[in-house]
C-alpha cells in the first residue's frame, strides 16, 4: 500500500503515510490525500505535453509546524513556468493573519492571544510560452482554527480561473462548461454564484479590468456540512485537468508573431499586479511566520513587461480581450 501511494504522488505526504492511514476517516487526512492526488494528476498531465522538460520536486519543512511539496517546471518547450504546490501547515495564527480574517467577519476568540490553526491546500499557476495558450490558476484549500473554548471553526475555499492573452470563445465556453458541470452535480445555484464571485474577486481595481475571463471562486464555505462541502471541492479539483489540458493541446503548436508575444508580456504584467496588490492567498502567505517565500511567489511568471501608456488599436484582437476583461460575459447560457 505504501509503494502504491508513493507511485500515486509526486513525493511522500507531509503528514506521513502512517499518520494518514491512522486518521484515514478524518476529513483533514482525506483532504490531504485529495490535494496530493490533484498535484500529481496535474503535474503528470503537464509533463505529458512538455516531454523535454521535467518538474523539480522540492519537499520542505516549516519549523513552526508542517511543510509542503513544491513542483516547478521552468523553460520547457510548451511551458515557460508551471508550478503545482501542496502545503500542510499548522501552528499559531499571526496577529496580522487573524486581523485579516476578522475583517472578513470571522469571530475568533483567542486564548491568551493565541489561535492554533491548521491549513492545507493545493495551488497551481501555469504560464505557457505560446500567447495562444492561456495562463491558468487553481487553488483548493481547507482551514481549521481552534478557539479558546476548544471549539473548532472550519471552512473551505478555492477556485479555478483562466487568463488568456487572446480571446477564443470556444475555449472560454469549454472551460466554463466543465466547471459548471462540476458545480451542478451538487447544486445548480453554485456555478452562477461562484462565477460572479470569481469575476468580482479577480478585479484589478486600479486598471478597471479583470485579471482574466474568470471561472469559479469561493471562500469561507462552511455549510451545509463538512462532508458535503468536501465532496463539492473534490468535484472541482477533479475538473481541473479536463477544463484546461484540451485547450493547451489545441494551441501549443500555434504560430505566433513577435507582436503577439509582446502583448502576452504586457498582460503578464497585469497578472503580477493583481497577485502582489490584491491576492488574499499571497498576502496570507507573506503574513504567516515561517512561510516559504519561493513557493508563495511561484505564481509569478518568469518574464513580464510594463510599457508606458500602451493602448492597443481599436477593433484589434488585443482590444477584443480588453473588452471582455472590462465587461465579463456569461459563457454557458
Foldseek 3Di string as FASTA:
>chain_A
DVVVLCVQFPHAFQVGPVVLVVVVVDPVSVQSSLLRNLLSVVQVLVCVVFVVWAWDWDWDQFPQFTTWIKTWIDDTLWFNIKIKIKTKGKHWADPVLVVVVVVVVDDAAADVPTKIKIKIKIKIWTHTQDLQAWIKIKMKMKMWIQHPVRDIQIKIWMWIFTAHLFDDLVLVLLLQVLLQVLQVVQPNPQSVVQQVVQLVQQAPVVVLFGLHLGHGTDIRDCDDHPVSVVSSSSSNSVSVCVSRSVSSVVPSPPDDDPVSSQSSQASLVSVVSCLVPRDPQLVSQVSGPRRDNCRSCSNRGPGHDDDPPDDDDPPDSSVVRRVCRNPHDDSHD
